[in-house]
Amino acid sequence: MKVLIVGANGQIGKHLVSFIQNHDNLEAKAMIRNQEQASLFKDLGAETVVVDLEQDIDPIAKAAEGVDAIVFTAGSGGHTGKDKTIMVDLDGAVKTIEAAKKAGVKRFIMISSFDTRREAIQAAPPSFAPYVAAKHYADEWLKSTDLDYTIIHPGALTNEKGTGQIEAAFEVRRNEIPREDVASVIVACLENEQTIGKEFQVVKGTKEIKDAIGSL
C-alpha cells in the first residue's frame, strides 16, 4: 500500500514516514511544503512531492495519483493566526479530501483534535476555539463523503518516547499521548480495514496498540 502523508514534515508526519518505510507492506510518499524539507525523507528512501496546501486542489490531486491511501496530518501550528488555521486546518483538509476524490483514492485517515463536537467549540478558550471549529467542519466534510475514512482524535500531544500502549474508544478520559504513538496508531489503522468509517479518541494507556485498534 502506497500512502501519501500530507504534513510529512510535521512531528507526527516524520515518525509516520519512518515507520511506513520500515514496514513490509507499506510505502510512503511524503508531501512537503518546500524542497528544503526533502533530505530527511530521501535518507529514509521515501518519495517526496512538493505541494503547498494553500494552493488549489489540482496540485494535491496530482500528488495523490498512484497512491492507495492518504493521511492528513498537516496543521498550521500553535503560533499562527486564525487566518492560517482556516487556510490549512480547514481549507487545506477539505481540499485534500476533494483531491482524494479527484485522484480516485478511497482510503483517507484524518488526524483531528481530541474533541471536535459542536459543544467543544463553545467550551474551548477563545484562542483555541477557531482551531476546534476548523477541525469540526473538516471532520464533518470528510464524514459526508463516500471515502473509506478513519478519524483519529489524539489527546494532548507530547514528544516523549512512544510506549506502544494506548487507550482508544469513541470517548475516553482526556489525557496525553506521545506523537510517536499517534504515528503507530495511524499505521495500525492502515493495517486494519475494520477502522473504516470510524472515529475515536486515543490517549496513553495500557493496551497494545494493535489490540486497542482491533477492538474498536
N, C-alpha and C. Protein backbone atom coordinates (compact mmCIF):
# COMPACT_ATOMS: atom_id res chain seq x y z
N MET A 1 0.85 -1.19 0.00
CA MET A 1 0.00 0.00 0.00
C MET A 1 0.89 1.24 0.00
N LYS A 2 0.66 2.11 -0.98
CA LYS A 2 1.41 3.37 -1.04
C LYS A 2 0.58 4.46 -0.37
N VAL A 3 1.20 5.20 0.54
CA VAL A 3 0.49 6.15 1.39
C VAL A 3 1.06 7.55 1.20
N LEU A 4 0.19 8.50 0.84
CA LEU A 4 0.57 9.90 0.77
C LEU A 4 0.38 10.52 2.15
N ILE A 5 1.47 11.04 2.71
CA ILE A 5 1.38 11.69 4.02
C ILE A 5 1.39 13.20 3.80
N VAL A 6 0.26 13.83 4.06
CA VAL A 6 0.12 15.28 3.93
C VAL A 6 0.51 15.90 5.27
N GLY A 7 1.55 16.73 5.26
CA GLY A 7 2.11 17.23 6.51
C GLY A 7 3.24 16.35 6.98
N ALA A 8 3.96 15.75 6.03
CA ALA A 8 5.02 14.79 6.38
C ALA A 8 6.13 15.41 7.20
N ASN A 9 6.36 16.72 7.06
CA ASN A 9 7.44 17.35 7.79
C ASN A 9 7.05 17.75 9.21
N GLY A 10 5.81 17.51 9.59
CA GLY A 10 5.40 17.74 10.96
C GLY A 10 5.94 16.67 11.89
N GLN A 11 5.75 16.86 13.18
CA GLN A 11 6.36 15.93 14.14
C GLN A 11 5.75 14.53 14.07
N ILE A 12 4.43 14.44 13.91
CA ILE A 12 3.80 13.14 13.72
C ILE A 12 4.19 12.58 12.36
N GLY A 13 4.17 13.43 11.35
CA GLY A 13 4.47 13.00 9.99
C GLY A 13 5.84 12.37 9.85
N LYS A 14 6.84 12.94 10.50
CA LYS A 14 8.20 12.39 10.41
C LYS A 14 8.25 10.98 11.01
N HIS A 15 7.63 10.79 12.16
CA HIS A 15 7.56 9.45 12.75
C HIS A 15 6.85 8.49 11.79
N LEU A 16 5.75 8.97 11.21
CA LEU A 16 4.92 8.11 10.36
C LEU A 16 5.69 7.66 9.12
N VAL A 17 6.37 8.57 8.46
CA VAL A 17 7.14 8.20 7.27
C VAL A 17 8.19 7.16 7.64
N SER A 18 8.87 7.35 8.75
CA SER A 18 9.89 6.40 9.19
C SER A 18 9.28 5.02 9.44
N PHE A 19 8.15 4.98 10.14
CA PHE A 19 7.50 3.69 10.43
C PHE A 19 7.04 3.00 9.15
N ILE A 20 6.46 3.77 8.25
CA ILE A 20 5.97 3.19 7.00
C ILE A 20 7.13 2.64 6.17
N GLN A 21 8.22 3.37 6.12
CA GLN A 21 9.37 2.92 5.32
C GLN A 21 10.03 1.67 5.91
N ASN A 22 9.77 1.39 7.18
CA ASN A 22 10.29 0.18 7.81
C ASN A 22 9.24 -0.93 7.89
N HIS A 23 8.13 -0.73 7.19
CA HIS A 23 7.03 -1.69 7.19
C HIS A 23 7.09 -2.53 5.91
N ASP A 24 6.85 -3.82 6.04
CA ASP A 24 6.97 -4.72 4.89
C ASP A 24 5.93 -4.45 3.81
N ASN A 25 4.75 -3.95 4.20
CA ASN A 25 3.64 -3.85 3.25
C ASN A 25 3.19 -2.42 2.97
N LEU A 26 3.95 -1.44 3.43
CA LEU A 26 3.58 -0.04 3.23
C LEU A 26 4.74 0.72 2.61
N GLU A 27 4.40 1.77 1.86
CA GLU A 27 5.40 2.63 1.23
C GLU A 27 4.93 4.07 1.36
N ALA A 28 5.82 4.96 1.73
CA ALA A 28 5.46 6.36 1.98
C ALA A 28 5.76 7.26 0.79
N LYS A 29 4.86 8.21 0.59
CA LYS A 29 5.11 9.33 -0.32
C LYS A 29 4.89 10.59 0.51
N ALA A 30 5.96 11.33 0.75
CA ALA A 30 5.92 12.47 1.67
C ALA A 30 5.56 13.74 0.92
N MET A 31 4.45 14.37 1.31
CA MET A 31 4.08 15.65 0.74
C MET A 31 4.59 16.75 1.65
N ILE A 32 5.48 17.59 1.10
CA ILE A 32 6.13 18.63 1.88
C ILE A 32 5.90 20.00 1.22
N ARG A 33 6.15 21.06 1.98
CA ARG A 33 5.83 22.40 1.51
C ARG A 33 6.94 23.01 0.67
N ASN A 34 8.19 22.64 0.95
CA ASN A 34 9.29 23.18 0.14
C ASN A 34 10.41 22.16 0.03
N GLN A 35 11.22 22.32 -0.99
CA GLN A 35 12.25 21.34 -1.32
C GLN A 35 13.30 21.19 -0.23
N GLU A 36 13.49 22.24 0.56
CA GLU A 36 14.49 22.18 1.63
C GLU A 36 14.16 21.12 2.67
N GLN A 37 12.91 20.68 2.73
CA GLN A 37 12.50 19.67 3.71
C GLN A 37 12.72 18.24 3.21
N ALA A 38 13.23 18.07 2.00
CA ALA A 38 13.23 16.76 1.36
C ALA A 38 14.33 15.82 1.85
N SER A 39 15.43 16.34 2.37
CA SER A 39 16.60 15.49 2.63
C SER A 39 16.30 14.37 3.63
N LEU A 40 15.57 14.67 4.68
CA LEU A 40 15.24 13.64 5.68
C LEU A 40 14.52 12.47 5.04
N PHE A 41 13.57 12.76 4.17
CA PHE A 41 12.74 11.70 3.58
C PHE A 41 13.51 10.92 2.52
N LYS A 42 14.39 11.60 1.81
CA LYS A 42 15.24 10.89 0.86
C LYS A 42 16.17 9.93 1.58
N ASP A 43 16.66 10.33 2.76
CA ASP A 43 17.51 9.44 3.57
C ASP A 43 16.73 8.19 4.00
N LEU A 44 15.42 8.33 4.17
CA LEU A 44 14.57 7.19 4.54
C LEU A 44 14.13 6.38 3.33
N GLY A 45 14.51 6.85 2.13
CA GLY A 45 14.12 6.15 0.91
C GLY A 45 12.70 6.42 0.47
N ALA A 46 12.11 7.50 0.99
CA ALA A 46 10.72 7.83 0.66
C ALA A 46 10.66 8.82 -0.49
N GLU A 47 9.70 8.62 -1.36
CA GLU A 47 9.44 9.57 -2.43
C GLU A 47 8.89 10.86 -1.82
N THR A 48 9.26 12.00 -2.40
CA THR A 48 8.73 13.27 -1.92
C THR A 48 8.04 14.02 -3.05
N VAL A 49 7.09 14.85 -2.67
CA VAL A 49 6.42 15.73 -3.63
C VAL A 49 6.19 17.07 -2.93
N VAL A 50 6.51 18.15 -3.62
CA VAL A 50 6.41 19.49 -3.03
C VAL A 50 5.08 20.12 -3.44
N VAL A 51 4.22 20.36 -2.45
CA VAL A 51 2.92 21.00 -2.68
C VAL A 51 2.61 21.87 -1.47
N ASP A 52 2.20 23.09 -1.71
CA ASP A 52 1.74 23.99 -0.66
C ASP A 52 0.24 23.80 -0.49
N LEU A 53 -0.19 23.46 0.72
CA LEU A 53 -1.62 23.22 0.97
C LEU A 53 -2.49 24.43 0.69
N GLU A 54 -1.89 25.60 0.62
CA GLU A 54 -2.68 26.79 0.32
C GLU A 54 -2.86 27.00 -1.18
N GLN A 55 -2.31 26.07 -1.99
CA GLN A 55 -2.58 26.09 -3.42
C GLN A 55 -3.96 25.50 -3.71
N ASP A 56 -4.26 25.35 -4.99
CA ASP A 56 -5.55 24.82 -5.40
C ASP A 56 -5.59 23.31 -5.21
N ILE A 57 -6.73 22.70 -5.51
CA ILE A 57 -6.92 21.26 -5.36
C ILE A 57 -6.04 20.48 -6.34
N ASP A 58 -5.87 20.98 -7.56
CA ASP A 58 -5.21 20.20 -8.62
C ASP A 58 -3.81 19.72 -8.24
N PRO A 59 -2.93 20.55 -7.67
CA PRO A 59 -1.60 20.04 -7.31
C PRO A 59 -1.66 18.93 -6.25
N ILE A 60 -2.63 19.03 -5.34
CA ILE A 60 -2.78 17.98 -4.32
C ILE A 60 -3.26 16.70 -4.98
N ALA A 61 -4.22 16.82 -5.89
CA ALA A 61 -4.73 15.65 -6.61
C ALA A 61 -3.63 14.98 -7.42
N LYS A 62 -2.77 15.79 -8.04
CA LYS A 62 -1.65 15.23 -8.81
C LYS A 62 -0.70 14.47 -7.89
N ALA A 63 -0.45 15.02 -6.70
CA ALA A 63 0.41 14.34 -5.72
C ALA A 63 -0.20 13.02 -5.28
N ALA A 64 -1.53 12.93 -5.31
CA ALA A 64 -2.23 11.73 -4.84
C ALA A 64 -2.36 10.66 -5.93
N GLU A 65 -1.96 10.97 -7.13
CA GLU A 65 -2.06 9.98 -8.20
C GLU A 65 -1.18 8.77 -7.90
N GLY A 66 -1.76 7.59 -8.04
CA GLY A 66 -0.99 6.36 -7.86
C GLY A 66 -0.83 5.89 -6.44
N VAL A 67 -1.46 6.58 -5.48
CA VAL A 67 -1.37 6.11 -4.09
C VAL A 67 -2.65 5.37 -3.71
N ASP A 68 -2.56 4.60 -2.64
CA ASP A 68 -3.69 3.80 -2.18
C ASP A 68 -4.40 4.40 -0.97
N ALA A 69 -3.74 5.30 -0.28
CA ALA A 69 -4.31 5.91 0.92
C ALA A 69 -3.67 7.27 1.15
N ILE A 70 -4.43 8.13 1.83
CA ILE A 70 -3.93 9.46 2.21
C ILE A 70 -4.08 9.62 3.71
N VAL A 71 -3.04 10.14 4.34
CA VAL A 71 -3.10 10.51 5.75
C VAL A 71 -2.93 12.02 5.84
N PHE A 72 -3.92 12.70 6.43
CA PHE A 72 -3.82 14.15 6.62
C PHE A 72 -3.38 14.42 8.05
N THR A 73 -2.13 14.83 8.18
CA THR A 73 -1.60 15.16 9.50
C THR A 73 -0.95 16.54 9.50
N ALA A 74 -1.40 17.38 8.56
CA ALA A 74 -0.89 18.75 8.49
C ALA A 74 -1.58 19.63 9.52
N GLY A 75 -0.92 20.70 9.90
CA GLY A 75 -1.51 21.66 10.82
C GLY A 75 -0.80 22.99 10.72
N SER A 76 -1.52 24.04 11.04
CA SER A 76 -0.94 25.38 10.94
C SER A 76 0.01 25.69 12.09
N GLY A 77 -0.07 24.90 13.17
CA GLY A 77 0.79 25.13 14.32
C GLY A 77 0.17 26.08 15.33
N GLY A 78 0.68 26.02 16.53
CA GLY A 78 0.08 26.78 17.62
C GLY A 78 0.46 28.25 17.65
N HIS A 79 1.36 28.68 16.78
CA HIS A 79 1.85 30.06 16.85
C HIS A 79 1.40 30.90 15.65
N THR A 80 0.47 30.39 14.87
CA THR A 80 -0.04 31.14 13.74
C THR A 80 -1.39 31.76 14.08
N GLY A 81 -1.87 32.64 13.22
CA GLY A 81 -3.14 33.31 13.48
C GLY A 81 -4.33 32.53 12.95
N LYS A 82 -5.51 33.13 13.14
CA LYS A 82 -6.74 32.48 12.71
C LYS A 82 -6.77 32.28 11.21
N ASP A 83 -6.10 33.16 10.46
CA ASP A 83 -6.10 33.03 9.01
C ASP A 83 -5.46 31.72 8.57
N LYS A 84 -4.32 31.37 9.16
CA LYS A 84 -3.66 30.11 8.81
C LYS A 84 -4.46 28.91 9.29
N THR A 85 -5.13 29.05 10.42
CA THR A 85 -5.99 27.97 10.91
C THR A 85 -7.07 27.65 9.88
N ILE A 86 -7.68 28.68 9.32
CA ILE A 86 -8.70 28.49 8.30
C ILE A 86 -8.09 27.91 7.03
N MET A 87 -6.96 28.44 6.59
CA MET A 87 -6.40 28.07 5.30
C MET A 87 -5.75 26.69 5.30
N VAL A 88 -5.24 26.24 6.44
CA VAL A 88 -4.57 24.94 6.50
C VAL A 88 -5.45 23.88 7.15
N ASP A 89 -5.87 24.13 8.39
CA ASP A 89 -6.59 23.11 9.15
C ASP A 89 -7.99 22.86 8.62
N LEU A 90 -8.60 23.86 8.02
CA LEU A 90 -9.93 23.68 7.43
C LEU A 90 -9.84 23.55 5.92
N ASP A 91 -9.46 24.62 5.24
CA ASP A 91 -9.48 24.59 3.78
C ASP A 91 -8.46 23.59 3.22
N GLY A 92 -7.30 23.50 3.84
CA GLY A 92 -6.31 22.52 3.39
C GLY A 92 -6.81 21.10 3.52
N ALA A 93 -7.51 20.82 4.62
CA ALA A 93 -8.08 19.48 4.82
C ALA A 93 -9.17 19.19 3.80
N VAL A 94 -10.07 20.14 3.60
CA VAL A 94 -11.16 19.95 2.64
C VAL A 94 -10.61 19.78 1.23
N LYS A 95 -9.63 20.58 0.85
CA LYS A 95 -9.03 20.44 -0.48
C LYS A 95 -8.38 19.07 -0.64
N THR A 96 -7.76 18.57 0.42
CA THR A 96 -7.14 17.24 0.34
C THR A 96 -8.19 16.15 0.18
N ILE A 97 -9.31 16.30 0.87
CA ILE A 97 -10.43 15.35 0.71
C ILE A 97 -10.93 15.38 -0.73
N GLU A 98 -11.12 16.58 -1.26
CA GLU A 98 -11.60 16.70 -2.65
C GLU A 98 -10.55 16.18 -3.64
N ALA A 99 -9.28 16.38 -3.32
CA ALA A 99 -8.21 15.86 -4.17
C ALA A 99 -8.20 14.34 -4.17
N ALA A 100 -8.48 13.74 -3.01
CA ALA A 100 -8.57 12.28 -2.93
C ALA A 100 -9.66 11.76 -3.86
N LYS A 101 -10.81 12.42 -3.83
CA LYS A 101 -11.91 12.02 -4.71
C LYS A 101 -11.51 12.17 -6.17
N LYS A 102 -10.86 13.27 -6.49
CA LYS A 102 -10.45 13.54 -7.87
C LYS A 102 -9.42 12.53 -8.37
N ALA A 103 -8.53 12.09 -7.47
CA ALA A 103 -7.48 11.14 -7.84
C ALA A 103 -7.93 9.69 -7.72
N GLY A 104 -9.15 9.48 -7.21
CA GLY A 104 -9.66 8.12 -7.08
C GLY A 104 -9.07 7.35 -5.92
N VAL A 105 -8.66 8.07 -4.87
CA VAL A 105 -8.10 7.43 -3.67
C VAL A 105 -9.21 7.31 -2.63
N LYS A 106 -9.56 6.08 -2.26
CA LYS A 106 -10.70 5.88 -1.35
C LYS A 106 -10.32 5.97 0.14
N ARG A 107 -9.13 5.47 0.49
CA ARG A 107 -8.76 5.38 1.90
C ARG A 107 -8.22 6.71 2.38
N PHE A 108 -8.77 7.23 3.48
CA PHE A 108 -8.39 8.55 3.97
C PHE A 108 -8.38 8.53 5.49
N ILE A 109 -7.25 8.86 6.08
CA ILE A 109 -7.14 8.94 7.54
C ILE A 109 -6.87 10.38 7.94
N MET A 110 -7.73 10.89 8.80
CA MET A 110 -7.65 12.28 9.27
C MET A 110 -7.15 12.31 10.71
N ILE A 111 -6.09 13.09 10.95
CA ILE A 111 -5.67 13.36 12.33
C ILE A 111 -6.34 14.65 12.75
N SER A 112 -7.23 14.54 13.70
CA SER A 112 -8.07 15.65 14.11
C SER A 112 -7.62 16.16 15.48
N SER A 113 -8.48 16.88 16.15
CA SER A 113 -8.25 17.34 17.52
C SER A 113 -9.02 16.41 18.46
N PHE A 114 -8.69 16.46 19.75
CA PHE A 114 -9.23 15.48 20.69
C PHE A 114 -10.76 15.48 20.72
N ASP A 115 -11.37 16.66 20.72
CA ASP A 115 -12.83 16.75 20.76
C ASP A 115 -13.26 17.83 19.78
N THR A 116 -13.97 17.44 18.74
CA THR A 116 -14.39 18.41 17.72
C THR A 116 -15.91 18.50 17.62
N ARG A 117 -16.60 18.07 18.66
CA ARG A 117 -18.05 18.24 18.66
C ARG A 117 -18.41 19.72 18.80
N ARG A 118 -19.62 20.06 18.41
CA ARG A 118 -20.04 21.47 18.49
C ARG A 118 -19.88 22.00 19.92
N GLU A 119 -20.16 21.16 20.90
CA GLU A 119 -20.06 21.60 22.29
C GLU A 119 -18.62 21.97 22.64
N ALA A 120 -17.67 21.30 22.00
CA ALA A 120 -16.26 21.57 22.29
C ALA A 120 -15.84 22.94 21.77
N ILE A 121 -16.45 23.37 20.67
CA ILE A 121 -16.15 24.72 20.16
C ILE A 121 -16.58 25.77 21.18
N GLN A 122 -17.77 25.59 21.73
CA GLN A 122 -18.29 26.56 22.70
C GLN A 122 -17.49 26.54 24.00
N ALA A 123 -16.98 25.37 24.36
CA ALA A 123 -16.27 25.22 25.64
C ALA A 123 -14.81 25.62 25.56
N ALA A 124 -14.27 25.72 24.35
CA ALA A 124 -12.84 25.99 24.18
C ALA A 124 -12.49 27.43 24.55
N PRO A 125 -11.28 27.67 25.06
CA PRO A 125 -10.82 29.05 25.28
C PRO A 125 -10.88 29.83 23.96
N PRO A 126 -11.13 31.14 24.02
CA PRO A 126 -11.27 31.94 22.78
C PRO A 126 -10.11 31.78 21.80
N SER A 127 -8.90 31.62 22.31
CA SER A 127 -7.75 31.50 21.41
C SER A 127 -7.70 30.14 20.71
N PHE A 128 -8.36 29.13 21.28
CA PHE A 128 -8.32 27.77 20.74
C PHE A 128 -9.57 27.42 19.95
N ALA A 129 -10.64 28.18 20.17
CA ALA A 129 -11.92 27.87 19.54
C ALA A 129 -11.86 27.85 18.00
N PRO A 130 -11.14 28.78 17.34
CA PRO A 130 -11.06 28.72 15.87
C PRO A 130 -10.47 27.41 15.36
N TYR A 131 -9.48 26.89 16.07
CA TYR A 131 -8.86 25.62 15.68
C TYR A 131 -9.85 24.48 15.81
N VAL A 132 -10.57 24.43 16.93
CA VAL A 132 -11.57 23.37 17.13
C VAL A 132 -12.67 23.47 16.08
N ALA A 133 -13.09 24.70 15.78
CA ALA A 133 -14.12 24.89 14.75
C ALA A 133 -13.63 24.41 13.39
N ALA A 134 -12.38 24.75 13.05
CA ALA A 134 -11.82 24.32 11.77
C ALA A 134 -11.79 22.80 11.68
N LYS A 135 -11.36 22.16 12.75
CA LYS A 135 -11.31 20.69 12.76
C LYS A 135 -12.71 20.09 12.71
N HIS A 136 -13.65 20.72 13.40
CA HIS A 136 -15.04 20.23 13.39
C HIS A 136 -15.57 20.16 11.96
N TYR A 137 -15.43 21.25 11.23
CA TYR A 137 -16.01 21.30 9.89
C TYR A 137 -15.23 20.44 8.90
N ALA A 138 -13.93 20.31 9.08
CA ALA A 138 -13.15 19.40 8.24
C ALA A 138 -13.59 17.95 8.46
N ASP A 139 -13.79 17.59 9.73
CA ASP A 139 -14.25 16.23 10.04
C ASP A 139 -15.64 15.98 9.45
N GLU A 140 -16.52 16.95 9.59
CA GLU A 140 -17.88 16.79 9.07
C GLU A 140 -17.86 16.66 7.54
N TRP A 141 -16.99 17.41 6.89
CA TRP A 141 -16.87 17.33 5.43
C TRP A 141 -16.45 15.92 5.03
N LEU A 142 -15.46 15.38 5.75
CA LEU A 142 -14.98 14.03 5.44
C LEU A 142 -16.08 12.99 5.64
N LYS A 143 -16.82 13.12 6.74
CA LYS A 143 -17.88 12.14 7.03
C LYS A 143 -19.02 12.19 6.02
N SER A 144 -19.15 13.31 5.31
CA SER A 144 -20.24 13.44 4.33
C SER A 144 -19.89 12.80 2.99
N THR A 145 -18.65 12.35 2.83
CA THR A 145 -18.21 11.75 1.57
C THR A 145 -18.41 10.24 1.59
N ASP A 146 -18.11 9.61 0.46
CA ASP A 146 -18.13 8.15 0.41
C ASP A 146 -16.73 7.56 0.50
N LEU A 147 -15.78 8.35 1.00
CA LEU A 147 -14.42 7.85 1.19
C LEU A 147 -14.38 6.84 2.35
N ASP A 148 -13.39 5.94 2.30
CA ASP A 148 -13.18 4.98 3.38
C ASP A 148 -12.35 5.66 4.47
N TYR A 149 -13.04 6.45 5.29
CA TYR A 149 -12.33 7.31 6.24
C TYR A 149 -12.14 6.68 7.61
N THR A 150 -11.12 7.16 8.29
CA THR A 150 -10.96 6.96 9.73
C THR A 150 -10.53 8.32 10.29
N ILE A 151 -11.16 8.73 11.39
CA ILE A 151 -10.81 10.00 12.04
C ILE A 151 -10.23 9.69 13.42
N ILE A 152 -9.00 10.12 13.62
CA ILE A 152 -8.29 9.88 14.87
C ILE A 152 -8.24 11.17 15.68
N HIS A 153 -8.70 11.10 16.93
CA HIS A 153 -8.73 12.26 17.83
C HIS A 153 -7.72 12.04 18.96
N PRO A 154 -6.46 12.45 18.78
CA PRO A 154 -5.47 12.22 19.84
C PRO A 154 -5.60 13.21 20.99
N GLY A 155 -5.17 12.77 22.16
CA GLY A 155 -5.12 13.65 23.32
C GLY A 155 -4.00 14.66 23.19
N ALA A 156 -3.64 15.28 24.30
CA ALA A 156 -2.58 16.30 24.28
C ALA A 156 -1.27 15.66 23.84
N LEU A 157 -0.67 16.22 22.79
CA LEU A 157 0.50 15.61 22.17
C LEU A 157 1.77 15.96 22.93
N THR A 158 2.63 14.95 23.13
CA THR A 158 3.91 15.16 23.78
C THR A 158 5.02 14.60 22.89
N ASN A 159 6.25 14.96 23.20
CA ASN A 159 7.40 14.45 22.47
C ASN A 159 8.11 13.34 23.24
N GLU A 160 7.44 12.77 24.23
CA GLU A 160 8.01 11.62 24.95
C GLU A 160 8.13 10.44 24.00
N LYS A 161 9.01 9.52 24.32
CA LYS A 161 9.15 8.31 23.53
C LYS A 161 7.87 7.49 23.62
N GLY A 162 7.45 6.92 22.51
CA GLY A 162 6.24 6.11 22.49
C GLY A 162 6.37 4.88 23.36
N THR A 163 5.26 4.49 23.96
CA THR A 163 5.24 3.30 24.81
C THR A 163 4.64 2.10 24.10
N GLY A 164 3.91 2.36 22.99
CA GLY A 164 3.22 1.27 22.30
C GLY A 164 1.94 0.84 22.98
N GLN A 165 1.53 1.61 24.01
CA GLN A 165 0.32 1.26 24.75
C GLN A 165 -0.62 2.47 24.81
N ILE A 166 -1.89 2.21 24.55
CA ILE A 166 -2.86 3.29 24.43
C ILE A 166 -4.19 2.89 25.05
N GLU A 167 -5.08 3.87 25.11
CA GLU A 167 -6.50 3.64 25.35
C GLU A 167 -7.22 4.30 24.18
N ALA A 168 -8.09 3.57 23.52
CA ALA A 168 -8.79 4.09 22.35
C ALA A 168 -10.25 3.67 22.38
N ALA A 169 -11.14 4.64 22.17
CA ALA A 169 -12.57 4.38 22.12
C ALA A 169 -13.23 5.62 21.55
N PHE A 170 -14.54 5.53 21.26
CA PHE A 170 -15.24 6.70 20.75
C PHE A 170 -15.09 7.88 21.70
N GLU A 171 -15.08 7.58 23.01
CA GLU A 171 -14.87 8.63 24.01
C GLU A 171 -14.03 8.08 25.15
N VAL A 172 -12.94 8.76 25.48
CA VAL A 172 -12.08 8.36 26.58
C VAL A 172 -11.81 9.58 27.46
N ARG A 173 -11.26 9.32 28.64
CA ARG A 173 -10.90 10.42 29.53
C ARG A 173 -9.72 11.19 28.94
N ARG A 174 -9.79 12.50 28.98
CA ARG A 174 -8.74 13.34 28.41
C ARG A 174 -7.39 13.04 29.06
N ASN A 175 -6.36 12.89 28.22
CA ASN A 175 -5.02 12.59 28.72
C ASN A 175 -4.01 12.92 27.62
N GLU A 176 -2.75 12.67 27.89
CA GLU A 176 -1.70 12.91 26.91
C GLU A 176 -1.46 11.67 26.05
N ILE A 177 -0.69 11.87 24.96
CA ILE A 177 -0.21 10.75 24.15
C ILE A 177 1.04 11.20 23.40
N PRO A 178 2.09 10.39 23.38
CA PRO A 178 3.27 10.75 22.60
C PRO A 178 2.96 10.77 21.09
N ARG A 179 3.55 11.72 20.40
CA ARG A 179 3.37 11.78 18.95
C ARG A 179 3.81 10.49 18.26
N GLU A 180 4.85 9.88 18.79
CA GLU A 180 5.34 8.63 18.21
C GLU A 180 4.26 7.55 18.26
N ASP A 181 3.49 7.51 19.35
CA ASP A 181 2.40 6.54 19.45
C ASP A 181 1.25 6.87 18.51
N VAL A 182 1.00 8.15 18.27
CA VAL A 182 -0.03 8.52 17.30
C VAL A 182 0.35 7.99 15.91
N ALA A 183 1.63 8.12 15.56
CA ALA A 183 2.08 7.59 14.28
C ALA A 183 1.88 6.08 14.21
N SER A 184 2.13 5.39 15.30
CA SER A 184 1.92 3.94 15.33
C SER A 184 0.44 3.59 15.22
N VAL A 185 -0.41 4.41 15.80
CA VAL A 185 -1.86 4.21 15.68
C VAL A 185 -2.29 4.35 14.22
N ILE A 186 -1.74 5.33 13.52
CA ILE A 186 -2.06 5.51 12.10
C ILE A 186 -1.69 4.26 11.32
N VAL A 187 -0.51 3.73 11.56
CA VAL A 187 -0.08 2.51 10.87
C VAL A 187 -1.05 1.37 11.17
N ALA A 188 -1.46 1.23 12.43
CA ALA A 188 -2.39 0.17 12.80
C ALA A 188 -3.73 0.33 12.07
N CYS A 189 -4.16 1.57 11.86
CA CYS A 189 -5.41 1.82 11.14
C CYS A 189 -5.26 1.47 9.66
N LEU A 190 -4.10 1.76 9.08
CA LEU A 190 -3.84 1.39 7.69
C LEU A 190 -3.87 -0.12 7.51
N GLU A 191 -3.44 -0.83 8.55
CA GLU A 191 -3.40 -2.30 8.50
C GLU A 191 -4.76 -2.94 8.73
N ASN A 192 -5.70 -2.20 9.31
CA ASN A 192 -6.95 -2.79 9.79
C ASN A 192 -8.16 -2.14 9.11
N GLU A 193 -8.77 -2.83 8.17
CA GLU A 193 -9.92 -2.28 7.45
C GLU A 193 -11.15 -2.11 8.34
N GLN A 194 -11.14 -2.72 9.52
CA GLN A 194 -12.27 -2.56 10.44
C GLN A 194 -12.36 -1.15 11.00
N THR A 195 -11.31 -0.35 10.80
CA THR A 195 -11.34 1.04 11.27
C THR A 195 -12.01 1.97 10.26
N ILE A 196 -12.36 1.45 9.09
CA ILE A 196 -13.01 2.29 8.08
C ILE A 196 -14.40 2.71 8.57
N GLY A 197 -14.69 4.00 8.41
CA GLY A 197 -15.98 4.53 8.83
C GLY A 197 -16.07 4.81 10.32
N LYS A 198 -14.94 4.81 11.01
CA LYS A 198 -14.94 5.01 12.46
C LYS A 198 -14.12 6.25 12.82
N GLU A 199 -14.47 6.82 13.96
CA GLU A 199 -13.66 7.88 14.57
C GLU A 199 -13.52 7.55 16.05
N PHE A 200 -12.39 7.90 16.61
CA PHE A 200 -12.14 7.53 18.00
C PHE A 200 -11.13 8.48 18.63
N GLN A 201 -11.23 8.60 19.94
CA GLN A 201 -10.24 9.34 20.72
C GLN A 201 -9.17 8.36 21.18
N VAL A 202 -7.94 8.84 21.32
CA VAL A 202 -6.85 7.97 21.73
C VAL A 202 -5.89 8.73 22.64
N VAL A 203 -5.52 8.09 23.74
CA VAL A 203 -4.58 8.65 24.72
C VAL A 203 -3.66 7.51 25.17
N LYS A 204 -2.67 7.85 25.98
CA LYS A 204 -1.80 6.81 26.51
C LYS A 204 -2.62 5.89 27.41
N GLY A 205 -2.21 4.62 27.45
CA GLY A 205 -2.99 3.66 28.23
C GLY A 205 -2.22 2.40 28.51
N THR A 206 -2.93 1.29 28.58
CA THR A 206 -2.31 0.03 28.99
C THR A 206 -2.51 -1.10 27.97
N LYS A 207 -3.19 -0.83 26.87
CA LYS A 207 -3.40 -1.86 25.85
C LYS A 207 -2.42 -1.69 24.70
N GLU A 208 -1.91 -2.79 24.19
CA GLU A 208 -1.06 -2.74 23.00
C GLU A 208 -1.83 -2.09 21.85
N ILE A 209 -1.13 -1.31 21.05
CA ILE A 209 -1.80 -0.53 20.02
C ILE A 209 -2.64 -1.38 19.09
N LYS A 210 -2.08 -2.47 18.56
CA LYS A 210 -2.83 -3.30 17.61
C LYS A 210 -4.08 -3.88 18.28
N ASP A 211 -3.97 -4.27 19.55
CA ASP A 211 -5.13 -4.84 20.26
C ASP A 211 -6.20 -3.78 20.47
N ALA A 212 -5.77 -2.57 20.87
CA ALA A 212 -6.73 -1.49 21.12
C ALA A 212 -7.45 -1.09 19.83
N ILE A 213 -6.70 -0.98 18.74
CA ILE A 213 -7.32 -0.60 17.47
C ILE A 213 -8.20 -1.73 16.96
N GLY A 214 -7.78 -2.97 17.16
CA GLY A 214 -8.57 -4.11 16.71
C GLY A 214 -9.88 -4.28 17.45
N SER A 215 -9.99 -3.68 18.64
CA SER A 215 -11.21 -3.84 19.44
C SER A 215 -12.17 -2.65 19.32
N LEU A 216 -11.87 -1.72 18.42
CA LEU A 216 -12.73 -0.54 18.26
C LEU A 216 -14.11 -0.96 17.73
